[in-house]
Amino acid sequence: MSKYLPPEFKNLIEPTSIALAESVECEHISTPLSLEPIPTTFVRKGCGDLPILLLHGFDSSLFEFRRLLPLLAENHEIWAVDLLGFGFTQRLENLPISPTAIKNHLYYFWKTLIKKPVILVGVSMGGAAAIDLTLTYPEIVQKLVLIDSAGMTSGPAMGKFLIPPLGYLATEFLRNPKVRQNISKTAYFDETFASEDAALCAALHLKMPRWNQALIAFTKSGGYRSFVDKLHHLTQPTLILWGENDRILGIKDAAKFEKAISGSKLIWIKNCGHVPHLEQPEITAKHILEFLI
């Protein structure tokens, strides 16, 4: 079992969760962000000529892809990485945590390990990260998939006011199991998906050193701004998948993305909330794989 995860991972129940935990690897990624390489956690499965890179959402980890990843890996090389400041990637002391830092770290992860153009799949905040990377390094992204994506509107400005002890209190509130369970239930259309195993998957990374400091730093940076004025620069074929019952970001941005990104295609996922890759993984995988043809 993985030595890169907190010991609580041994309490995982679902086979897909256990299988992903057993597959976590770590690579020390050298970047301009720090003199010290950043120990970066990821999962790699499958093989093929066209790799797919999966980017998770806010305050989350690669465990988001425990159900989707094995479905895609049957015929493709799949990568899922923990973004800088999130998941189980180490939060080095004095390391900046911001959208720009996340993009730089992600680029050097790609440059170190993948080294060829990818299908980039971003979920929620990971969608904003995917857009940001694609706009800056268009040559490394062959196609783009946005799943209930952030990036149409700016994040809340309240992060600038998270001075001690308010930042600590805010993250401790977010650490509360009842708070996280309520968020989890809101993310699903079918609330029975908010299971004990799902709760553990969503909270494992909270055990990582400097979790709260990194979250405060990212929030104080302002998070991801709106890309609405830049989306017309995206030339990659783009697939937009959106849960019909998204109660986290709502549903209005889906059509806005389709209108703003030339040649993009929007597909609605029925009976699904904010996390199609967890609630409807087979349907989500089907649409992604058809998009690759």
C-alpha atoms as a PDB file:
ATOM      1  CA  MET A   1       0.000   0.000   0.000  1.00  0.00           C
ATOM      2  CA  SER A   2       1.121   3.541  -0.730  1.00  0.00           C
ATOM      3  CA  LYS A   3       3.685   5.145   1.561  1.00  0.00           C
ATOM      4  CA  TYR A   4       2.748   8.589   0.239  1.00  0.00           C
ATOM      5  CA  LEU A   5      -0.669   8.686   1.905  1.00  0.00           C
ATOM      6  CA  PRO A   6      -1.734   9.285   5.514  1.00  0.00           C
ATOM      7  CA  PRO A   7      -2.258   5.993   7.412  1.00  0.00           C
ATOM      8  CA  GLU A   8      -6.050   6.513   7.406  1.00  0.00           C
ATOM      9  CA  PHE A   9      -6.097   5.293   3.803  1.00  0.00           C
ATOM     10  CA  LYS A  10      -6.148   1.780   5.262  1.00  0.00           C
ATOM     11  CA  ASN A  11      -9.804   2.404   6.180  1.00  0.00           C
ATOM     12  CA  LEU A  12     -10.897   2.717   2.559  1.00  0.00           C
ATOM     13  CA  ILE A  13     -13.744   0.401   1.626  1.00  0.00           C
ATOM     14  CA  GLU A  14     -14.609   0.578  -2.071  1.00  0.00           C
ATOM     15  CA  PRO A  15     -12.421  -1.460  -4.463  1.00  0.00           C
ATOM     16  CA  THR A  16     -11.789   1.502  -6.771  1.00  0.00           C
ATOM     17  CA  SER A  17     -10.598   3.608  -3.826  1.00  0.00           C
ATOM     18  CA  ILE A  18      -8.276   0.874  -2.587  1.00  0.00           C
ATOM     19  CA  ALA A  19      -6.903   0.245  -6.083  1.00  0.00           C
ATOM     20  CA  LEU A  20      -6.116   3.920  -6.576  1.00  0.00           C
ATOM     21  CA  ALA A  21      -4.429   4.166  -3.164  1.00  0.00           C
ATOM     22  CA  GLU A  22      -2.202   1.240  -4.119  1.00  0.00           C
ATOM     23  CA  SER A  23      -1.212   3.031  -7.355  1.00  0.00           C
ATOM     24  CA  VAL A  24      -0.069   6.397  -5.980  1.00  0.00           C
ATOM     25  CA  GLU A  25       3.495   7.305  -6.940  1.00  0.00           C
ATOM     26  CA  CYS A  26       5.683  10.293  -6.125  1.00  0.00           C
ATOM     27  CA  GLU A  27       8.236  12.146  -8.243  1.00  0.00           C
ATOM     28  CA  HIS A  28      10.451  15.042  -7.136  1.00  0.00           C
ATOM     29  CA  ILE A  29       9.709  17.739  -9.710  1.00  0.00           C
ATOM     30  CA  SER A  30      12.260  20.518 -10.231  1.00  0.00           C
ATOM     31  CA  THR A  31      10.663  23.906 -10.960  1.00  0.00           C
ATOM     32  CA  PRO A  32      11.653  27.600 -10.883  1.00  0.00           C
ATOM     33  CA  LEU A  33       9.371  27.961  -7.858  1.00  0.00           C
ATOM     34  CA  SER A  34      11.854  26.555  -5.376  1.00  0.00           C
ATOM     35  CA  LEU A  35      15.472  25.509  -5.074  1.00  0.00           C
ATOM     36  CA  GLU A  36      14.160  22.250  -3.652  1.00  0.00           C
ATOM     37  CA  PRO A  37      12.323  19.803  -5.947  1.00  0.00           C
ATOM     38  CA  ILE A  38       8.629  19.384  -5.122  1.00  0.00           C
ATOM     39  CA  PRO A  39       7.571  15.824  -4.168  1.00  0.00           C
ATOM     40  CA  THR A  40       4.540  15.425  -6.426  1.00  0.00           C
ATOM     41  CA  THR A  41       2.002  12.620  -6.142  1.00  0.00           C
ATOM     42  CA  PHE A  42       0.327  11.107  -9.163  1.00  0.00           C
ATOM     43  CA  VAL A  43      -1.184   7.953 -10.604  1.00  0.00           C
ATOM     44  CA  ARG A  44      -0.305   6.523 -14.001  1.00  0.00           C
ATOM     45  CA  LYS A  45      -2.286   3.705 -15.593  1.00  0.00           C
ATOM     46  CA  GLY A  46      -2.703   2.123 -18.997  1.00  0.00           C
ATOM     47  CA  CYS A  47      -0.772   2.705 -22.190  1.00  0.00           C
ATOM     48  CA  GLY A  48      -1.277   4.351 -25.545  1.00  0.00           C
ATOM     49  CA  ASP A  49       0.053   7.005 -27.897  1.00  0.00           C
ATOM     50  CA  LEU A  50      -2.183   9.814 -26.661  1.00  0.00           C
ATOM     51  CA  PRO A  51      -1.961  10.391 -22.892  1.00  0.00           C
ATOM     52  CA  ILE A  52      -4.865  11.804 -20.882  1.00  0.00           C
ATOM     53  CA  LEU A  53      -4.045  14.084 -17.953  1.00  0.00           C
ATOM     54  CA  LEU A  54      -6.701  14.510 -15.232  1.00  0.00           C
ATOM     55  CA  LEU A  55      -6.857  17.606 -12.992  1.00  0.00           C
ATOM     56  CA  HIS A  56      -8.938  17.554  -9.794  1.00  0.00           C
ATOM     57  CA  GLY A  57     -10.988  20.302  -8.147  1.00  0.00           C
ATOM     58  CA  PHE A  58     -10.585  22.673  -5.193  1.00  0.00           C
ATOM     59  CA  ASP A  59      -9.529  21.237  -1.807  1.00  0.00           C
ATOM     60  CA  SER A  60      -9.458  17.794  -3.366  1.00  0.00           C
ATOM     61  CA  SER A  61      -7.049  15.194  -4.694  1.00  0.00           C
ATOM     62  CA  LEU A  62      -6.506  12.582  -7.368  1.00  0.00           C
ATOM     63  CA  PHE A  63      -8.936  10.358  -5.424  1.00  0.00           C
ATOM     64  CA  GLU A  64     -11.640  12.216  -7.363  1.00  0.00           C
ATOM     65  CA  PHE A  65     -10.753   9.998 -10.308  1.00  0.00           C
ATOM     66  CA  ARG A  66     -10.971   6.634  -8.550  1.00  0.00           C
ATOM     67  CA  ARG A  67     -13.970   5.564 -10.671  1.00  0.00           C
ATOM     68  CA  LEU A  68     -13.191   7.322 -13.958  1.00  0.00           C
ATOM     69  CA  LEU A  69      -9.494   6.510 -14.275  1.00  0.00           C
ATOM     70  CA  PRO A  70      -9.759   2.712 -14.631  1.00  0.00           C
ATOM     71  CA  LEU A  71     -12.457   3.099 -17.306  1.00  0.00           C
ATOM     72  CA  LEU A  72     -10.242   5.372 -19.397  1.00  0.00           C
ATOM     73  CA  ALA A  73      -7.095   3.314 -18.813  1.00  0.00           C
ATOM     74  CA  GLU A  74      -8.394   0.245 -20.640  1.00  0.00           C
ATOM     75  CA  ASN A  75      -7.025   1.610 -23.931  1.00  0.00           C
ATOM     76  CA  HIS A  76      -5.184   4.814 -23.023  1.00  0.00           C
ATOM     77  CA  GLU A  77      -2.317   6.079 -20.914  1.00  0.00           C
ATOM     78  CA  ILE A  78      -3.907   7.997 -18.037  1.00  0.00           C
ATOM     79  CA  TRP A  79      -2.265  10.393 -15.597  1.00  0.00           C
ATOM     80  CA  ALA A  80      -3.872  11.992 -12.548  1.00  0.00           C
ATOM     81  CA  VAL A  81      -1.770  14.476 -10.591  1.00  0.00           C
ATOM     82  CA  ASP A  82      -2.213  16.309  -7.303  1.00  0.00           C
ATOM     83  CA  LEU A  83      -1.960  20.016  -8.071  1.00  0.00           C
ATOM     84  CA  LEU A  84       0.471  22.225  -6.164  1.00  0.00           C
ATOM     85  CA  GLY A  85      -0.958  23.030  -2.723  1.00  0.00           C
ATOM     86  CA  PHE A  86      -3.550  20.267  -2.946  1.00  0.00           C
ATOM     87  CA  GLY A  87      -3.924  16.535  -2.542  1.00  0.00           C
ATOM     88  CA  PHE A  88      -0.811  14.715  -1.349  1.00  0.00           C
ATOM     89  CA  THR A  89       1.764  16.744  -3.244  1.00  0.00           C
ATOM     90  CA  GLN A  90       4.027  18.136  -0.538  1.00  0.00           C
ATOM     91  CA  ARG A  91       3.504  21.726   0.541  1.00  0.00           C
ATOM     92  CA  LEU A  92       7.058  22.918   0.981  1.00  0.00           C
ATOM     93  CA  GLU A  93       7.577  25.761   3.421  1.00  0.00           C
ATOM     94  CA  ASN A  94       7.634  29.243   1.828  1.00  0.00           C
ATOM     95  CA  LEU A  95       6.418  27.855  -1.500  1.00  0.00           C
ATOM     96  CA  PRO A  96       3.927  30.202  -3.220  1.00  0.00           C
ATOM     97  CA  ILE A  97       0.476  28.708  -3.761  1.00  0.00           C
ATOM     98  CA  SER A  98      -1.414  30.560  -6.480  1.00  0.00           C
ATOM     99  CA  PRO A  99      -2.874  29.863  -9.931  1.00  0.00           C
ATOM    100  CA  THR A 100       0.417  30.926 -11.526  1.00  0.00           C
ATOM    101  CA  ALA A 101       2.429  28.639  -9.258  1.00  0.00           C
ATOM    102  CA  ILE A 102       0.018  25.766  -9.941  1.00  0.00           C
ATOM    103  CA  LYS A 103       0.454  26.298 -13.693  1.00  0.00           C
ATOM    104  CA  ASN A 104       4.247  26.376 -13.447  1.00  0.00           C
ATOM    105  CA  HIS A 105       4.362  23.241 -11.337  1.00  0.00           C
ATOM    106  CA  LEU A 106       1.947  21.464 -13.672  1.00  0.00           C
ATOM    107  CA  TYR A 107       3.989  22.399 -16.723  1.00  0.00           C
ATOM    108  CA  TYR A 108       7.195  21.038 -15.202  1.00  0.00           C
ATOM    109  CA  PHE A 109       5.372  17.883 -14.124  1.00  0.00           C
ATOM    110  CA  TRP A 110       4.354  17.413 -17.761  1.00  0.00           C
ATOM    111  CA  LYS A 111       7.833  18.285 -19.006  1.00  0.00           C
ATOM    112  CA  THR A 112       9.488  15.835 -16.598  1.00  0.00           C
ATOM    113  CA  LEU A 113       7.245  12.799 -16.925  1.00  0.00           C
ATOM    114  CA  ILE A 114       4.834  12.975 -19.886  1.00  0.00           C
ATOM    115  CA  LYS A 115       6.770  14.931 -22.516  1.00  0.00           C
ATOM    116  CA  LYS A 116       4.198  14.713 -25.320  1.00  0.00           C
ATOM    117  CA  PRO A 117       0.886  16.445 -26.120  1.00  0.00           C
ATOM    118  CA  VAL A 118      -2.033  15.378 -23.939  1.00  0.00           C
ATOM    119  CA  ILE A 119      -5.777  15.273 -23.740  1.00  0.00           C
ATOM    120  CA  LEU A 120      -6.308  17.602 -20.785  1.00  0.00           C
ATOM    121  CA  VAL A 121      -9.322  16.919 -18.546  1.00  0.00           C
ATOM    122  CA  GLY A 122     -10.159  19.455 -15.837  1.00  0.00           C
ATOM    123  CA  VAL A 123     -12.907  19.145 -13.233  1.00  0.00           C
ATOM    124  CA  SER A 124     -14.342  22.181 -11.418  1.00  0.00           C
ATOM    125  CA  MET A 125     -11.312  24.237 -10.289  1.00  0.00           C
ATOM    126  CA  GLY A 126      -9.220  21.773 -12.287  1.00  0.00           C
ATOM    127  CA  GLY A 127     -11.064  23.048 -15.354  1.00  0.00           C
ATOM    128  CA  ALA A 128      -9.780  26.554 -14.651  1.00  0.00           C
ATOM    129  CA  ALA A 129      -6.282  25.124 -14.194  1.00  0.00           C
ATOM    130  CA  ALA A 130      -6.652  23.281 -17.506  1.00  0.00           C
ATOM    131  CA  ILE A 131      -7.755  26.450 -19.306  1.00  0.00           C
ATOM    132  CA  ASP A 132      -4.861  28.400 -17.804  1.00  0.00           C
ATOM    133  CA  LEU A 133      -2.299  25.780 -18.845  1.00  0.00           C
ATOM    134  CA  THR A 134      -3.758  25.512 -22.356  1.00  0.00           C
ATOM    135  CA  LEU A 135      -3.735  29.278 -22.924  1.00  0.00           C
ATOM    136  CA  THR A 136      -0.088  29.527 -21.825  1.00  0.00           C
ATOM    137  CA  TYR A 137       1.259  26.314 -23.379  1.00  0.00           C
ATOM    138  CA  PRO A 138      -1.106  25.510 -26.277  1.00  0.00           C
ATOM    139  CA  GLU A 139       1.467  23.243 -27.899  1.00  0.00           C
ATOM    140  CA  ILE A 140       1.191  20.627 -25.126  1.00  0.00           C
ATOM    141  CA  VAL A 141      -2.609  20.251 -25.234  1.00  0.00           C
ATOM    142  CA  GLN A 142      -4.141  18.425 -28.181  1.00  0.00           C
ATOM    143  CA  LYS A 143      -7.734  18.382 -26.921  1.00  0.00           C
ATOM    144  CA  LEU A 144      -9.471  19.856 -23.885  1.00  0.00           C
ATOM    145  CA  VAL A 145     -12.257  18.417 -21.723  1.00  0.00           C
ATOM    146  CA  LEU A 146     -13.997  20.629 -19.147  1.00  0.00           C
ATOM    147  CA  ILE A 147     -16.235  18.943 -16.568  1.00  0.00           C
ATOM    148  CA  ASP A 148     -18.498  21.319 -14.585  1.00  0.00           C
ATOM    149  CA  SER A 149     -15.628  23.759 -14.910  1.00  0.00           C
ATOM    150  CA  ALA A 150     -14.700  26.873 -12.996  1.00  0.00           C
ATOM    151  CA  GLY A 151     -13.157  29.761 -14.921  1.00  0.00           C
ATOM    152  CA  MET A 152     -16.177  31.615 -16.246  1.00  0.00           C
ATOM    153  CA  THR A 153     -16.414  33.870 -13.190  1.00  0.00           C
ATOM    154  CA  SER A 154     -13.801  35.035 -10.679  1.00  0.00           C
ATOM    155  CA  GLY A 155     -13.390  33.429  -7.282  1.00  0.00           C
ATOM    156  CA  PRO A 156     -14.508  35.198  -4.107  1.00  0.00           C
ATOM    157  CA  ALA A 157     -12.465  38.203  -3.006  1.00  0.00           C
ATOM    158  CA  MET A 158     -12.806  37.288   0.673  1.00  0.00           C
ATOM    159  CA  GLY A 159      -9.496  35.415   0.568  1.00  0.00           C
ATOM    160  CA  LYS A 160      -7.594  38.686   0.767  1.00  0.00           C
ATOM    161  CA  PHE A 161      -9.033  39.231   4.226  1.00  0.00           C
ATOM    162  CA  LEU A 162      -8.000  35.858   5.662  1.00  0.00           C
ATOM    163  CA  ILE A 163      -5.559  37.296   8.177  1.00  0.00           C
ATOM    164  CA  PRO A 164      -4.634  35.325  11.304  1.00  0.00           C
ATOM    165  CA  PRO A 165      -6.542  33.961  13.082  1.00  0.00           C
ATOM    166  CA  LEU A 166      -9.395  34.220  10.531  1.00  0.00           C
ATOM    167  CA  GLY A 167      -7.619  32.037   7.983  1.00  0.00           C
ATOM    168  CA  TYR A 168      -7.016  29.312  10.543  1.00  0.00           C
ATOM    169  CA  LEU A 169     -10.633  29.457  11.720  1.00  0.00           C
ATOM    170  CA  ALA A 170     -11.906  29.259   8.144  1.00  0.00           C
ATOM    171  CA  THR A 171      -9.857  26.189   7.336  1.00  0.00           C
ATOM    172  CA  GLU A 172     -10.799  24.525  10.614  1.00  0.00           C
ATOM    173  CA  PHE A 173     -14.435  25.104   9.687  1.00  0.00           C
ATOM    174  CA  LEU A 174     -13.787  23.452   6.336  1.00  0.00           C
ATOM    175  CA  ARG A 175     -12.052  20.566   8.117  1.00  0.00           C
ATOM    176  CA  ASN A 176     -15.217  19.806  10.134  1.00  0.00           C
ATOM    177  CA  PRO A 177     -16.601  16.386   9.038  1.00  0.00           C
ATOM    178  CA  LYS A 178     -20.216  17.593   9.137  1.00  0.00           C
ATOM    179  CA  VAL A 179     -19.393  20.590   6.954  1.00  0.00           C
ATOM    180  CA  ARG A 180     -17.573  18.405   4.445  1.00  0.00           C
ATOM    181  CA  GLN A 181     -20.408  15.881   4.411  1.00  0.00           C
ATOM    182  CA  ASN A 182     -22.920  18.624   3.647  1.00  0.00           C
ATOM    183  CA  ILE A 183     -20.733  19.846   0.793  1.00  0.00           C
ATOM    184  CA  SER A 184     -20.442  16.283  -0.487  1.00  0.00           C
ATOM    185  CA  LYS A 185     -24.201  15.794  -0.467  1.00  0.00           C
ATOM    186  CA  THR A 186     -24.639  19.058  -2.345  1.00  0.00           C
ATOM    187  CA  ALA A 187     -22.168  17.902  -4.989  1.00  0.00           C
ATOM    188  CA  TYR A 188     -24.262  14.842  -5.884  1.00  0.00           C
ATOM    189  CA  PHE A 189     -27.707  14.537  -7.432  1.00  0.00           C
ATOM    190  CA  ASP A 190     -28.109  11.207  -5.642  1.00  0.00           C
ATOM    191  CA  GLU A 191     -26.992  11.927  -2.083  1.00  0.00           C
ATOM    192  CA  THR A 192     -26.433   8.235  -1.336  1.00  0.00           C
ATOM    193  CA  PHE A 193     -23.116   8.658  -3.174  1.00  0.00           C
ATOM    194  CA  ALA A 194     -21.948  10.689  -0.154  1.00  0.00           C
ATOM    195  CA  SER A 195     -20.895   7.462   1.541  1.00  0.00           C
ATOM    196  CA  GLU A 196     -18.426   6.716   4.320  1.00  0.00           C
ATOM    197  CA  ASP A 197     -15.807   5.778   1.741  1.00  0.00           C
ATOM    198  CA  ALA A 198     -16.462   8.963  -0.241  1.00  0.00           C
ATOM    199  CA  ALA A 199     -16.047  11.032   2.920  1.00  0.00           C
ATOM    200  CA  LEU A 200     -12.688   9.403   3.644  1.00  0.00           C
ATOM    201  CA  CYS A 201     -11.481   9.904   0.068  1.00  0.00           C
ATOM    202  CA  ALA A 202     -12.440  13.576   0.283  1.00  0.00           C
ATOM    203  CA  ALA A 203     -10.702  14.126   3.627  1.00  0.00           C
ATOM    204  CA  LEU A 204      -7.478  12.100   3.432  1.00  0.00           C
ATOM    205  CA  HIS A 205      -5.433  15.040   2.169  1.00  0.00           C
ATOM    206  CA  LEU A 206      -6.436  17.117   5.218  1.00  0.00           C
ATOM    207  CA  LYS A 207      -3.901  15.051   7.152  1.00  0.00           C
ATOM    208  CA  MET A 208      -1.026  16.394   5.077  1.00  0.00           C
ATOM    209  CA  PRO A 209       1.411  18.848   6.710  1.00  0.00           C
ATOM    210  CA  ARG A 210       0.612  22.540   6.045  1.00  0.00           C
ATOM    211  CA  TRP A 211      -2.768  21.741   4.476  1.00  0.00           C
ATOM    212  CA  ASN A 212      -4.409  24.758   6.044  1.00  0.00           C
ATOM    213  CA  GLN A 213      -1.509  27.134   5.313  1.00  0.00           C
ATOM    214  CA  ALA A 214      -1.578  26.187   1.633  1.00  0.00           C
ATOM    215  CA  LEU A 215      -5.338  26.579   1.399  1.00  0.00           C
ATOM    216  CA  ILE A 216      -5.153  30.007   3.035  1.00  0.00           C
ATOM    217  CA  ALA A 217      -2.320  31.061   0.698  1.00  0.00           C
ATOM    218  CA  PHE A 218      -4.244  29.969  -2.391  1.00  0.00           C
ATOM    219  CA  THR A 219      -7.411  31.726  -1.241  1.00  0.00           C
ATOM    220  CA  LYS A 220      -5.531  34.914  -0.392  1.00  0.00           C
ATOM    221  CA  SER A 221      -4.017  34.870  -3.887  1.00  0.00           C
ATOM    222  CA  GLY A 222      -7.540  35.426  -5.203  1.00  0.00           C
ATOM    223  CA  GLY A 223      -7.828  32.001  -6.792  1.00  0.00           C
ATOM    224  CA  TYR A 224      -8.727  31.648 -10.449  1.00  0.00           C
ATOM    225  CA  ARG A 225     -10.046  34.733 -12.193  1.00  0.00           C
ATOM    226  CA  SER A 226     -12.507  34.721 -15.045  1.00  0.00           C
ATOM    227  CA  PHE A 227     -11.082  33.605 -18.386  1.00  0.00           C
ATOM    228  CA  VAL A 228     -14.103  34.899 -20.297  1.00  0.00           C
ATOM    229  CA  ASP A 229     -12.049  37.458 -22.245  1.00  0.00           C
ATOM    230  CA  LYS A 230      -9.426  34.860 -23.198  1.00  0.00           C
ATOM    231  CA  LEU A 231     -11.509  31.813 -24.087  1.00  0.00           C
ATOM    232  CA  HIS A 232     -11.660  32.816 -27.767  1.00  0.00           C
ATOM    233  CA  HIS A 233      -7.917  32.111 -27.914  1.00  0.00           C
ATOM    234  CA  LEU A 234      -8.529  28.401 -27.301  1.00  0.00           C
ATOM    235  CA  THR A 235      -8.158  26.587 -30.615  1.00  0.00           C
ATOM    236  CA  GLN A 236      -8.108  23.020 -29.338  1.00  0.00           C
ATOM    237  CA  PRO A 237     -11.208  20.870 -29.872  1.00  0.00           C
ATOM    238  CA  THR A 238     -13.073  21.199 -26.579  1.00  0.00           C
ATOM    239  CA  LEU A 239     -15.659  18.959 -24.953  1.00  0.00           C
ATOM    240  CA  ILE A 240     -17.808  20.418 -22.175  1.00  0.00           C
ATOM    241  CA  LEU A 241     -19.520  17.918 -19.875  1.00  0.00           C
ATOM    242  CA  TRP A 242     -21.978  19.252 -17.302  1.00  0.00           C
ATOM    243  CA  GLY A 243     -24.246  17.661 -14.711  1.00  0.00           C
ATOM    244  CA  GLU A 244     -27.845  18.726 -15.268  1.00  0.00           C
ATOM    245  CA  ASN A 245     -28.330  19.144 -11.526  1.00  0.00           C
ATOM    246  CA  ASP A 246     -25.112  20.938 -10.543  1.00  0.00           C
ATOM    247  CA  ARG A 247     -25.826  22.704  -7.235  1.00  0.00           C
ATOM    248  CA  ILE A 248     -22.227  23.820  -6.683  1.00  0.00           C
ATOM    249  CA  LEU A 249     -21.577  25.971  -9.770  1.00  0.00           C
ATOM    250  CA  GLY A 250     -25.092  25.888 -11.191  1.00  0.00           C
ATOM    251  CA  ILE A 251     -25.774  25.257 -14.868  1.00  0.00           C
ATOM    252  CA  LYS A 252     -25.652  28.673 -16.558  1.00  0.00           C
ATOM    253  CA  ASP A 253     -21.905  28.647 -17.204  1.00  0.00           C
ATOM    254  CA  ALA A 254     -22.124  25.511 -19.351  1.00  0.00           C
ATOM    255  CA  ALA A 255     -23.757  27.304 -22.282  1.00  0.00           C
ATOM    256  CA  LYS A 256     -21.494  30.325 -21.749  1.00  0.00           C
ATOM    257  CA  PHE A 257     -18.422  28.115 -22.165  1.00  0.00           C
ATOM    258  CA  GLU A 258     -19.855  26.558 -25.307  1.00  0.00           C
ATOM    259  CA  LYS A 259     -20.554  29.977 -26.793  1.00  0.00           C
ATOM    260  CA  ALA A 260     -17.160  31.415 -25.842  1.00  0.00           C
ATOM    261  CA  ILE A 261     -14.984  28.504 -27.060  1.00  0.00           C
ATOM    262  CA  SER A 262     -15.120  28.196 -30.820  1.00  0.00           C
ATOM    263  CA  GLY A 263     -16.033  24.735 -32.066  1.00  0.00           C
ATOM    264  CA  SER A 264     -16.698  23.351 -28.587  1.00  0.00           C
ATOM    265  CA  LYS A 265     -19.405  20.810 -27.843  1.00  0.00           C
ATOM    266  CA  LEU A 266     -21.605  20.750 -24.743  1.00  0.00           C
ATOM    267  CA  ILE A 267     -23.084  17.490 -23.454  1.00  0.00           C
ATOM    268  CA  TRP A 268     -25.406  17.394 -20.462  1.00  0.00           C
ATOM    269  CA  ILE A 269     -25.141  14.481 -18.035  1.00  0.00           C
ATOM    270  CA  LYS A 270     -28.591  13.503 -16.772  1.00  0.00           C
ATOM    271  CA  ASN A 271     -29.392  12.651 -13.149  1.00  0.00           C
ATOM    272  CA  CYS A 272     -26.053  14.101 -12.133  1.00  0.00           C
ATOM    273  CA  GLY A 273     -24.740  16.881  -9.921  1.00  0.00           C
ATOM    274  CA  HIS A 274     -21.381  18.643  -9.879  1.00  0.00           C
ATOM    275  CA  VAL A 275     -19.207  15.508 -10.130  1.00  0.00           C
ATOM    276  CA  PRO A 276     -20.118  13.430 -13.228  1.00  0.00           C
ATOM    277  CA  HIS A 277     -16.786  11.590 -12.993  1.00  0.00           C
ATOM    278  CA  LEU A 278     -17.897  10.189  -9.616  1.00  0.00           C
ATOM    279  CA  GLU A 279     -21.666   9.962 -10.006  1.00  0.00           C
ATOM    280  CA  GLN A 280     -21.858   8.853 -13.655  1.00  0.00           C
ATOM    281  CA  PRO A 281     -18.341   7.564 -14.421  1.00  0.00           C
ATOM    282  CA  GLU A 282     -19.367   5.153 -17.186  1.00  0.00           C
ATOM    283  CA  ILE A 283     -21.271   7.828 -19.107  1.00  0.00           C
ATOM    284  CA  THR A 284     -18.519  10.373 -18.515  1.00  0.00           C
ATOM    285  CA  ALA A 285     -15.865   7.943 -19.756  1.00  0.00           C
ATOM    286  CA  LYS A 286     -17.977   7.087 -22.802  1.00  0.00           C
ATOM    287  CA  HIS A 287     -18.233  10.724 -23.866  1.00  0.00           C
ATOM    288  CA  ILE A 288     -14.529  11.355 -23.328  1.00  0.00           C
ATOM    289  CA  LEU A 289     -13.490   8.266 -25.275  1.00  0.00           C
ATOM    290  CA  GLU A 290     -15.838   9.141 -28.166  1.00  0.00           C
ATOM    291  CA  PHE A 291     -14.332  12.626 -28.195  1.00  0.00           C
ATOM    292  CA  LEU A 292     -10.878  11.128 -28.767  1.00  0.00           C
ATOM    293  CA  ILE A 293     -11.874   9.382 -31.980  1.00  0.00           C
END
